[in-house]
């Protein structure tokens, strides 16, 4: 362990060492911290997006439309696939965002059985502000690392993620 102050994961690892010294808890040290960090950052992001009247899940829908480029239009199926949501879960989000005037659903001109989801001007303004607020919250959290450390961490997490596919 480094000379850093101990965190709650260290306490858990020490407890396991006492009762099961045969266990290699290295994975628990890594993933325990990843899970705790994910929860803490999830809470931070919810607060950042709440200022704009949207949740993290709703942010994801708006951000996916925004990243698609003009005309900021995708099918519900494309959105569901990108966000790994069921069609039922997607419908609920789309209903709420449409009621708020942040997107609109319309018939697909190329397939009358299908719909298109398009970001409205209000939705575009909200997502542009919300993404800035979210990045500010994430950047603030990263201030405990210097640029080189943050870059190394991003590289290590990329490798770890690639190894789980």
N, C-alpha and C. Protein backbone atom coordinates (compact mmCIF):
# COMPACT_ATOMS: atom_id res chain seq x y z
N UNK A 1 0.85 -1.18 0.00
CA UNK A 1 0.00 0.00 0.00
C UNK A 1 0.90 1.24 0.00
N UNK A 2 0.47 2.28 -0.71
CA UNK A 2 1.24 3.52 -0.78
C UNK A 2 1.15 4.27 0.54
N UNK A 3 1.90 5.36 0.64
CA UNK A 3 1.93 6.16 1.86
C UNK A 3 0.69 7.03 2.01
N UNK A 4 -0.27 6.92 1.09
CA UNK A 4 -1.50 7.71 1.15
C UNK A 4 -2.31 7.32 2.39
N UNK A 5 -3.23 8.22 2.76
CA UNK A 5 -4.15 7.93 3.86
C UNK A 5 -5.01 6.73 3.48
N UNK A 6 -5.39 5.96 4.48
CA UNK A 6 -6.23 4.79 4.23
C UNK A 6 -7.66 5.23 3.90
N UNK A 7 -8.31 4.43 3.08
CA UNK A 7 -9.69 4.68 2.73
C UNK A 7 -10.55 3.50 3.17
N UNK A 8 -11.86 3.56 3.01
CA UNK A 8 -12.73 2.46 3.46
C UNK A 8 -12.41 1.11 2.81
N UNK A 9 -11.91 1.14 1.59
CA UNK A 9 -11.56 -0.13 0.93
C UNK A 9 -10.38 -0.78 1.66
N UNK A 10 -9.43 0.02 2.12
CA UNK A 10 -8.30 -0.53 2.87
C UNK A 10 -8.79 -1.26 4.11
N UNK A 11 -9.77 -0.69 4.80
CA UNK A 11 -10.32 -1.33 6.00
C UNK A 11 -10.94 -2.68 5.65
N UNK A 12 -11.65 -2.74 4.55
CA UNK A 12 -12.27 -4.00 4.12
C UNK A 12 -11.19 -5.03 3.81
N UNK A 13 -10.15 -4.61 3.11
CA UNK A 13 -9.06 -5.52 2.75
C UNK A 13 -8.37 -6.05 4.00
N UNK A 14 -8.16 -5.17 4.97
CA UNK A 14 -7.54 -5.59 6.24
C UNK A 14 -8.41 -6.61 6.97
N UNK A 15 -9.72 -6.41 6.95
CA UNK A 15 -10.62 -7.37 7.59
C UNK A 15 -10.54 -8.73 6.91
N UNK A 16 -10.51 -8.75 5.58
CA UNK A 16 -10.39 -10.03 4.87
C UNK A 16 -9.05 -10.69 5.17
N UNK A 17 -8.00 -9.89 5.29
CA UNK A 17 -6.67 -10.46 5.60
C UNK A 17 -6.67 -11.14 6.96
N UNK A 18 -7.45 -10.60 7.88
CA UNK A 18 -7.54 -11.20 9.21
C UNK A 18 -8.26 -12.54 9.18
N UNK A 19 -9.38 -12.58 8.48
CA UNK A 19 -10.20 -13.80 8.51
C UNK A 19 -9.90 -14.78 7.39
N UNK A 20 -9.32 -14.29 6.29
CA UNK A 20 -8.98 -15.16 5.16
C UNK A 20 -7.64 -14.72 4.56
N UNK A 21 -6.54 -14.94 5.27
CA UNK A 21 -5.22 -14.51 4.77
C UNK A 21 -4.81 -15.21 3.48
N UNK A 22 -5.51 -16.26 3.10
CA UNK A 22 -5.20 -16.99 1.87
C UNK A 22 -5.71 -16.29 0.61
N UNK A 23 -6.56 -15.30 0.77
CA UNK A 23 -7.16 -14.62 -0.38
C UNK A 23 -6.23 -13.56 -0.97
N UNK A 24 -6.19 -13.51 -2.29
CA UNK A 24 -5.52 -12.40 -2.98
C UNK A 24 -6.60 -11.36 -3.27
N UNK A 25 -6.58 -10.27 -2.54
CA UNK A 25 -7.66 -9.26 -2.63
C UNK A 25 -7.32 -8.09 -3.55
N UNK A 26 -6.31 -8.24 -4.39
CA UNK A 26 -5.92 -7.15 -5.29
C UNK A 26 -7.10 -6.69 -6.16
N UNK A 27 -7.86 -7.64 -6.70
CA UNK A 27 -9.01 -7.26 -7.55
C UNK A 27 -10.05 -6.49 -6.74
N UNK A 28 -10.26 -6.89 -5.50
CA UNK A 28 -11.21 -6.21 -4.63
C UNK A 28 -10.75 -4.77 -4.36
N UNK A 29 -9.44 -4.58 -4.22
CA UNK A 29 -8.91 -3.24 -4.00
C UNK A 29 -9.21 -2.33 -5.20
N UNK A 30 -9.03 -2.86 -6.40
CA UNK A 30 -9.28 -2.07 -7.61
C UNK A 30 -10.77 -1.83 -7.81
N UNK A 31 -11.54 -2.93 -7.87
CA UNK A 31 -12.96 -2.78 -8.21
C UNK A 31 -13.77 -2.18 -7.07
N UNK A 32 -13.38 -2.40 -5.85
CA UNK A 32 -14.06 -1.74 -4.73
C UNK A 32 -13.97 -0.23 -4.87
N UNK A 33 -12.79 0.23 -5.26
CA UNK A 33 -12.61 1.68 -5.45
C UNK A 33 -13.34 2.17 -6.70
N UNK A 34 -13.33 1.40 -7.76
CA UNK A 34 -14.05 1.79 -8.98
C UNK A 34 -15.54 1.91 -8.67
N UNK A 35 -16.10 0.92 -7.97
CA UNK A 35 -17.53 0.97 -7.63
C UNK A 35 -17.85 2.16 -6.75
N UNK A 36 -17.02 2.43 -5.75
CA UNK A 36 -17.27 3.57 -4.86
C UNK A 36 -17.13 4.89 -5.62
N UNK A 37 -16.14 4.97 -6.48
CA UNK A 37 -15.95 6.18 -7.29
C UNK A 37 -17.12 6.38 -8.23
N UNK A 38 -17.59 5.31 -8.84
CA UNK A 38 -18.74 5.39 -9.74
C UNK A 38 -19.97 5.92 -9.01
N UNK A 39 -20.21 5.41 -7.81
CA UNK A 39 -21.37 5.87 -7.04
C UNK A 39 -21.22 7.34 -6.67
N UNK A 40 -20.04 7.73 -6.20
CA UNK A 40 -19.82 9.13 -5.80
C UNK A 40 -19.95 10.07 -6.99
N UNK A 41 -19.38 9.69 -8.13
CA UNK A 41 -19.46 10.55 -9.29
C UNK A 41 -20.87 10.56 -9.88
N UNK A 42 -21.56 9.44 -9.79
CA UNK A 42 -22.96 9.40 -10.23
C UNK A 42 -23.80 10.41 -9.47
N UNK A 43 -23.58 10.46 -8.15
CA UNK A 43 -24.31 11.44 -7.33
C UNK A 43 -23.95 12.87 -7.72
N UNK A 44 -22.66 13.10 -7.98
CA UNK A 44 -22.22 14.44 -8.38
C UNK A 44 -22.84 14.85 -9.72
N UNK A 45 -22.90 13.90 -10.63
CA UNK A 45 -23.45 14.20 -11.95
C UNK A 45 -24.95 14.45 -11.87
N UNK A 46 -25.66 13.69 -11.03
CA UNK A 46 -27.10 13.94 -10.83
C UNK A 46 -27.33 15.37 -10.38
N UNK A 47 -26.50 15.84 -9.44
CA UNK A 47 -26.64 17.21 -8.95
C UNK A 47 -26.35 18.22 -10.06
N UNK A 48 -25.33 17.96 -10.85
CA UNK A 48 -24.97 18.88 -11.94
C UNK A 48 -26.11 18.98 -12.95
N UNK A 49 -26.74 17.86 -13.28
CA UNK A 49 -27.80 17.85 -14.28
C UNK A 49 -29.14 18.31 -13.72
N UNK A 50 -29.35 18.12 -12.44
CA UNK A 50 -30.62 18.53 -11.82
C UNK A 50 -30.88 20.02 -12.00
N UNK A 51 -29.85 20.81 -12.05
CA UNK A 51 -30.00 22.26 -12.27
C UNK A 51 -30.71 22.56 -13.58
N UNK A 52 -30.68 21.61 -14.50
CA UNK A 52 -31.30 21.80 -15.81
C UNK A 52 -32.60 21.02 -15.94
N UNK A 53 -33.05 20.44 -14.83
CA UNK A 53 -34.32 19.72 -14.81
C UNK A 53 -34.27 18.34 -15.43
N UNK A 54 -33.06 17.76 -15.53
CA UNK A 54 -32.93 16.44 -16.12
C UNK A 54 -32.13 15.51 -15.21
N UNK A 55 -32.37 14.22 -15.38
CA UNK A 55 -31.63 13.20 -14.64
C UNK A 55 -30.44 12.73 -15.49
N UNK A 56 -29.59 11.87 -14.92
CA UNK A 56 -28.47 11.31 -15.69
C UNK A 56 -28.98 10.52 -16.89
N UNK A 57 -30.03 9.73 -16.70
CA UNK A 57 -30.57 8.94 -17.79
C UNK A 57 -31.11 9.82 -18.91
N UNK A 58 -31.78 10.90 -18.54
CA UNK A 58 -32.30 11.83 -19.53
C UNK A 58 -31.17 12.58 -20.22
N UNK A 59 -30.14 12.92 -19.45
CA UNK A 59 -28.93 13.52 -20.03
C UNK A 59 -28.38 12.61 -21.12
N UNK A 60 -28.30 11.31 -20.83
CA UNK A 60 -27.75 10.36 -21.80
C UNK A 60 -28.51 10.38 -23.12
N UNK A 61 -29.84 10.46 -23.05
CA UNK A 61 -30.65 10.51 -24.28
C UNK A 61 -30.34 11.79 -25.05
N UNK A 62 -30.38 12.93 -24.36
CA UNK A 62 -30.13 14.21 -25.02
C UNK A 62 -28.71 14.26 -25.58
N UNK A 63 -27.74 13.77 -24.82
CA UNK A 63 -26.34 13.80 -25.26
C UNK A 63 -26.13 12.91 -26.48
N UNK A 64 -26.82 11.77 -26.52
CA UNK A 64 -26.70 10.88 -27.67
C UNK A 64 -27.24 11.55 -28.92
N UNK A 65 -28.37 12.22 -28.79
CA UNK A 65 -28.91 12.97 -29.93
C UNK A 65 -27.95 14.09 -30.34
N UNK A 66 -27.41 14.80 -29.39
CA UNK A 66 -26.50 15.93 -29.68
C UNK A 66 -25.25 15.44 -30.39
N UNK A 67 -24.67 14.33 -29.91
CA UNK A 67 -23.45 13.79 -30.50
C UNK A 67 -23.67 13.24 -31.91
N UNK A 68 -24.93 12.94 -32.25
CA UNK A 68 -25.21 12.39 -33.58
C UNK A 68 -25.04 13.44 -34.68
N UNK A 69 -24.94 14.71 -34.30
CA UNK A 69 -24.77 15.78 -35.28
C UNK A 69 -26.11 16.20 -35.87
N UNK A 70 -26.07 17.31 -36.58
CA UNK A 70 -27.30 17.81 -37.19
C UNK A 70 -27.86 16.78 -38.14
N UNK A 71 -29.12 16.57 -38.16
CA UNK A 71 -30.22 17.31 -37.54
C UNK A 71 -30.58 16.82 -36.13
N UNK A 72 -29.65 16.12 -35.45
CA UNK A 72 -29.87 15.64 -34.08
C UNK A 72 -31.07 14.71 -34.01
N UNK A 73 -31.10 13.75 -34.93
CA UNK A 73 -32.23 12.84 -35.07
C UNK A 73 -31.75 11.40 -35.10
N UNK A 74 -32.38 10.55 -34.31
CA UNK A 74 -32.14 9.11 -34.31
C UNK A 74 -33.48 8.40 -34.12
N UNK A 75 -33.50 7.13 -34.44
CA UNK A 75 -34.70 6.34 -34.17
C UNK A 75 -34.67 5.89 -32.70
N UNK A 76 -35.83 5.59 -32.14
CA UNK A 76 -35.84 5.05 -30.77
C UNK A 76 -34.99 3.78 -30.66
N UNK A 77 -34.98 2.97 -31.70
CA UNK A 77 -34.17 1.75 -31.69
C UNK A 77 -32.67 2.09 -31.61
N UNK A 78 -32.23 3.08 -32.38
CA UNK A 78 -30.81 3.50 -32.33
C UNK A 78 -30.46 4.04 -30.95
N UNK A 79 -31.36 4.82 -30.38
CA UNK A 79 -31.12 5.33 -29.02
C UNK A 79 -31.04 4.18 -28.02
N UNK A 80 -31.97 3.25 -28.09
CA UNK A 80 -31.98 2.10 -27.17
C UNK A 80 -30.69 1.30 -27.27
N UNK A 81 -30.24 1.06 -28.49
CA UNK A 81 -29.02 0.28 -28.68
C UNK A 81 -27.80 1.01 -28.13
N UNK A 82 -27.71 2.30 -28.39
CA UNK A 82 -26.57 3.08 -27.91
C UNK A 82 -26.54 3.14 -26.38
N UNK A 83 -27.71 3.30 -25.77
CA UNK A 83 -27.79 3.46 -24.33
C UNK A 83 -28.00 2.15 -23.58
N UNK A 84 -28.10 1.04 -24.32
CA UNK A 84 -28.31 -0.29 -23.74
C UNK A 84 -29.54 -0.30 -22.84
N UNK A 85 -30.64 0.21 -23.38
CA UNK A 85 -31.91 0.26 -22.66
C UNK A 85 -32.94 -0.61 -23.37
N UNK A 86 -33.90 -1.10 -22.62
CA UNK A 86 -35.03 -1.78 -23.24
C UNK A 86 -35.90 -0.73 -23.91
N UNK A 87 -36.76 -1.17 -24.81
CA UNK A 87 -37.66 -0.22 -25.47
C UNK A 87 -38.61 0.41 -24.45
N UNK A 88 -39.01 -0.35 -23.44
CA UNK A 88 -39.88 0.20 -22.39
C UNK A 88 -39.19 1.30 -21.61
N UNK A 89 -37.93 1.07 -21.24
CA UNK A 89 -37.15 2.08 -20.52
C UNK A 89 -36.95 3.32 -21.36
N UNK A 90 -36.70 3.11 -22.64
CA UNK A 90 -36.50 4.24 -23.54
C UNK A 90 -37.79 5.04 -23.70
N UNK A 91 -38.91 4.36 -23.83
CA UNK A 91 -40.19 5.05 -24.01
C UNK A 91 -40.47 5.98 -22.83
N UNK A 92 -40.21 5.53 -21.62
CA UNK A 92 -40.43 6.37 -20.45
C UNK A 92 -39.59 7.63 -20.48
N UNK A 93 -38.33 7.49 -20.84
CA UNK A 93 -37.46 8.67 -20.92
C UNK A 93 -37.92 9.61 -22.03
N UNK A 94 -38.25 9.04 -23.18
CA UNK A 94 -38.69 9.88 -24.29
C UNK A 94 -39.98 10.62 -23.96
N UNK A 95 -40.91 9.93 -23.28
CA UNK A 95 -42.16 10.58 -22.88
C UNK A 95 -41.88 11.81 -22.03
N UNK A 96 -41.04 11.65 -21.02
CA UNK A 96 -40.74 12.76 -20.11
C UNK A 96 -40.03 13.90 -20.83
N UNK A 97 -39.06 13.57 -21.65
CA UNK A 97 -38.31 14.60 -22.37
C UNK A 97 -39.18 15.32 -23.41
N UNK A 98 -40.11 14.58 -24.01
CA UNK A 98 -41.03 15.22 -24.97
C UNK A 98 -41.99 16.16 -24.24
N UNK A 99 -42.52 15.73 -23.10
CA UNK A 99 -43.41 16.61 -22.31
C UNK A 99 -42.69 17.89 -21.89
N UNK A 100 -41.38 17.79 -21.63
CA UNK A 100 -40.60 18.96 -21.23
C UNK A 100 -40.20 19.83 -22.42
N UNK A 101 -40.53 19.38 -23.64
CA UNK A 101 -40.22 20.15 -24.83
C UNK A 101 -38.76 20.06 -25.26
N UNK A 102 -38.05 19.03 -24.79
CA UNK A 102 -36.62 18.90 -25.11
C UNK A 102 -36.35 18.06 -26.35
N UNK A 103 -37.35 17.29 -26.76
CA UNK A 103 -37.26 16.53 -28.01
C UNK A 103 -38.66 16.34 -28.56
N UNK A 104 -38.71 15.90 -29.80
CA UNK A 104 -40.02 15.60 -30.40
C UNK A 104 -39.89 14.28 -31.16
N UNK A 105 -40.99 13.57 -31.18
CA UNK A 105 -41.08 12.34 -31.96
C UNK A 105 -41.95 12.61 -33.17
N UNK A 106 -41.54 12.09 -34.30
CA UNK A 106 -42.31 12.28 -35.53
C UNK A 106 -42.17 11.02 -36.39
N UNK A 107 -43.11 10.85 -37.33
CA UNK A 107 -43.01 9.69 -38.22
C UNK A 107 -41.73 9.75 -39.06
N UNK A 108 -41.14 8.61 -39.29
CA UNK A 108 -39.96 8.51 -40.15
C UNK A 108 -40.44 8.65 -41.60
N UNK A 109 -39.93 9.63 -42.34
CA UNK A 109 -40.40 9.82 -43.72
C UNK A 109 -40.04 8.66 -44.65
N UNK A 110 -39.08 7.82 -44.24
CA UNK A 110 -38.64 6.71 -45.07
C UNK A 110 -39.29 5.38 -44.69
N UNK A 111 -39.94 5.35 -43.53
CA UNK A 111 -40.57 4.11 -43.05
C UNK A 111 -41.75 4.50 -42.18
N UNK A 112 -42.95 4.40 -42.71
CA UNK A 112 -44.12 4.89 -41.97
C UNK A 112 -44.41 4.09 -40.72
N UNK A 113 -43.76 2.94 -40.55
CA UNK A 113 -43.95 2.16 -39.31
C UNK A 113 -43.03 2.64 -38.20
N UNK A 114 -42.07 3.47 -38.53
CA UNK A 114 -41.05 3.88 -37.57
C UNK A 114 -41.20 5.35 -37.16
N UNK A 115 -40.50 5.68 -36.07
CA UNK A 115 -40.47 7.05 -35.57
C UNK A 115 -39.04 7.59 -35.61
N UNK A 116 -38.96 8.90 -35.57
CA UNK A 116 -37.69 9.60 -35.41
C UNK A 116 -37.78 10.44 -34.14
N UNK A 117 -36.67 10.54 -33.44
CA UNK A 117 -36.59 11.38 -32.25
C UNK A 117 -35.61 12.49 -32.57
N UNK A 118 -36.04 13.73 -32.38
CA UNK A 118 -35.22 14.89 -32.74
C UNK A 118 -35.12 15.84 -31.56
N UNK A 119 -33.92 16.32 -31.34
CA UNK A 119 -33.67 17.32 -30.31
C UNK A 119 -34.33 18.63 -30.72
N UNK A 120 -35.04 19.28 -29.81
CA UNK A 120 -35.62 20.60 -30.09
C UNK A 120 -34.56 21.67 -29.81
N UNK A 121 -34.86 22.88 -30.17
CA UNK A 121 -33.95 24.00 -29.87
C UNK A 121 -33.74 24.11 -28.35
N UNK A 122 -34.83 23.97 -27.60
CA UNK A 122 -34.73 24.02 -26.14
C UNK A 122 -33.85 22.87 -25.64
N UNK A 123 -34.04 21.68 -26.20
CA UNK A 123 -33.23 20.53 -25.82
C UNK A 123 -31.76 20.74 -26.14
N UNK A 124 -31.49 21.33 -27.30
CA UNK A 124 -30.11 21.62 -27.69
C UNK A 124 -29.46 22.58 -26.71
N UNK A 125 -30.18 23.61 -26.31
CA UNK A 125 -29.64 24.58 -25.35
C UNK A 125 -29.38 23.92 -24.00
N UNK A 126 -30.33 23.10 -23.54
CA UNK A 126 -30.19 22.42 -22.25
C UNK A 126 -29.00 21.47 -22.27
N UNK A 127 -28.88 20.64 -23.31
CA UNK A 127 -27.79 19.67 -23.33
C UNK A 127 -26.44 20.36 -23.44
N UNK A 128 -26.36 21.44 -24.19
CA UNK A 128 -25.08 22.15 -24.29
C UNK A 128 -24.66 22.72 -22.94
N UNK A 129 -25.61 23.22 -22.18
CA UNK A 129 -25.28 23.73 -20.84
C UNK A 129 -24.98 22.60 -19.88
N UNK A 130 -25.78 21.53 -19.94
CA UNK A 130 -25.61 20.40 -19.01
C UNK A 130 -24.29 19.68 -19.23
N UNK A 131 -23.88 19.51 -20.48
CA UNK A 131 -22.61 18.83 -20.72
C UNK A 131 -21.45 19.65 -20.16
N UNK A 132 -21.54 20.95 -20.26
CA UNK A 132 -20.51 21.81 -19.66
C UNK A 132 -20.47 21.68 -18.15
N UNK A 133 -21.65 21.65 -17.53
CA UNK A 133 -21.72 21.51 -16.07
C UNK A 133 -21.21 20.14 -15.63
N UNK A 134 -21.54 19.10 -16.38
CA UNK A 134 -21.06 17.77 -16.04
C UNK A 134 -19.55 17.66 -16.17
N UNK A 135 -19.00 18.21 -17.24
CA UNK A 135 -17.55 18.19 -17.41
C UNK A 135 -16.85 18.99 -16.31
N UNK A 136 -17.45 20.08 -15.88
CA UNK A 136 -16.86 20.87 -14.80
C UNK A 136 -16.81 20.05 -13.51
N UNK A 137 -17.88 19.30 -13.23
CA UNK A 137 -17.90 18.46 -12.03
C UNK A 137 -16.85 17.35 -12.12
N UNK A 138 -16.71 16.76 -13.29
CA UNK A 138 -15.71 15.70 -13.47
C UNK A 138 -14.29 16.27 -13.38
N UNK A 139 -14.08 17.43 -13.99
CA UNK A 139 -12.77 18.07 -13.96
C UNK A 139 -12.38 18.43 -12.53
N UNK A 140 -13.35 18.92 -11.77
CA UNK A 140 -13.09 19.26 -10.37
C UNK A 140 -12.65 18.03 -9.59
N UNK A 141 -13.31 16.90 -9.83
CA UNK A 141 -12.95 15.66 -9.14
C UNK A 141 -11.53 15.21 -9.50
N UNK A 142 -11.10 15.50 -10.71
CA UNK A 142 -9.77 15.08 -11.16
C UNK A 142 -8.64 15.98 -10.64
N UNK A 143 -8.97 17.06 -9.96
CA UNK A 143 -7.92 17.97 -9.51
C UNK A 143 -6.97 17.35 -8.50
N UNK A 144 -7.35 16.21 -7.93
CA UNK A 144 -6.44 15.53 -7.00
C UNK A 144 -5.30 14.82 -7.74
N UNK A 145 -5.42 14.73 -9.07
CA UNK A 145 -4.37 14.13 -9.90
C UNK A 145 -3.76 15.20 -10.79
N UNK A 146 -2.46 15.05 -11.10
CA UNK A 146 -1.90 15.96 -12.10
C UNK A 146 -2.23 15.40 -13.49
N UNK A 147 -1.89 16.16 -14.52
CA UNK A 147 -2.25 15.76 -15.89
C UNK A 147 -1.68 14.40 -16.27
N UNK A 148 -0.44 14.15 -15.87
CA UNK A 148 0.20 12.87 -16.21
C UNK A 148 -0.51 11.71 -15.51
N UNK A 149 -0.84 11.89 -14.23
CA UNK A 149 -1.55 10.85 -13.49
C UNK A 149 -2.93 10.58 -14.10
N UNK A 150 -3.65 11.65 -14.44
CA UNK A 150 -4.98 11.49 -15.03
C UNK A 150 -4.88 10.75 -16.37
N UNK A 151 -3.86 11.08 -17.16
CA UNK A 151 -3.66 10.40 -18.43
C UNK A 151 -3.33 8.92 -18.24
N UNK A 152 -2.47 8.62 -17.28
CA UNK A 152 -2.13 7.22 -16.99
C UNK A 152 -3.35 6.45 -16.52
N UNK A 153 -4.13 7.08 -15.64
CA UNK A 153 -5.34 6.42 -15.14
C UNK A 153 -6.30 6.14 -16.29
N UNK A 154 -6.50 7.11 -17.18
CA UNK A 154 -7.38 6.90 -18.34
C UNK A 154 -6.88 5.73 -19.19
N UNK A 155 -5.57 5.67 -19.41
CA UNK A 155 -4.99 4.58 -20.20
C UNK A 155 -5.18 3.23 -19.52
N UNK A 156 -4.95 3.17 -18.22
CA UNK A 156 -5.11 1.92 -17.47
C UNK A 156 -6.57 1.46 -17.48
N UNK A 157 -7.48 2.39 -17.29
CA UNK A 157 -8.91 2.03 -17.31
C UNK A 157 -9.34 1.57 -18.70
N UNK A 158 -8.79 2.18 -19.76
CA UNK A 158 -9.08 1.75 -21.13
C UNK A 158 -8.64 0.30 -21.33
N UNK A 159 -7.43 -0.02 -20.85
CA UNK A 159 -6.93 -1.40 -20.96
C UNK A 159 -7.80 -2.37 -20.18
N UNK A 160 -8.16 -2.00 -18.98
CA UNK A 160 -8.99 -2.85 -18.14
C UNK A 160 -10.35 -3.08 -18.80
N UNK A 161 -10.94 -2.02 -19.31
CA UNK A 161 -12.24 -2.14 -19.97
C UNK A 161 -12.14 -3.03 -21.21
N UNK A 162 -11.10 -2.85 -22.00
CA UNK A 162 -10.93 -3.68 -23.20
C UNK A 162 -10.79 -5.15 -22.83
N UNK A 163 -10.19 -5.43 -21.69
CA UNK A 163 -10.00 -6.81 -21.25
C UNK A 163 -11.26 -7.47 -20.73
N UNK A 164 -12.31 -6.69 -20.52
CA UNK A 164 -13.57 -7.26 -20.00
C UNK A 164 -14.56 -7.56 -21.11
N UNK A 165 -14.23 -7.22 -22.32
CA UNK A 165 -15.17 -7.43 -23.44
C UNK A 165 -15.15 -8.85 -23.90
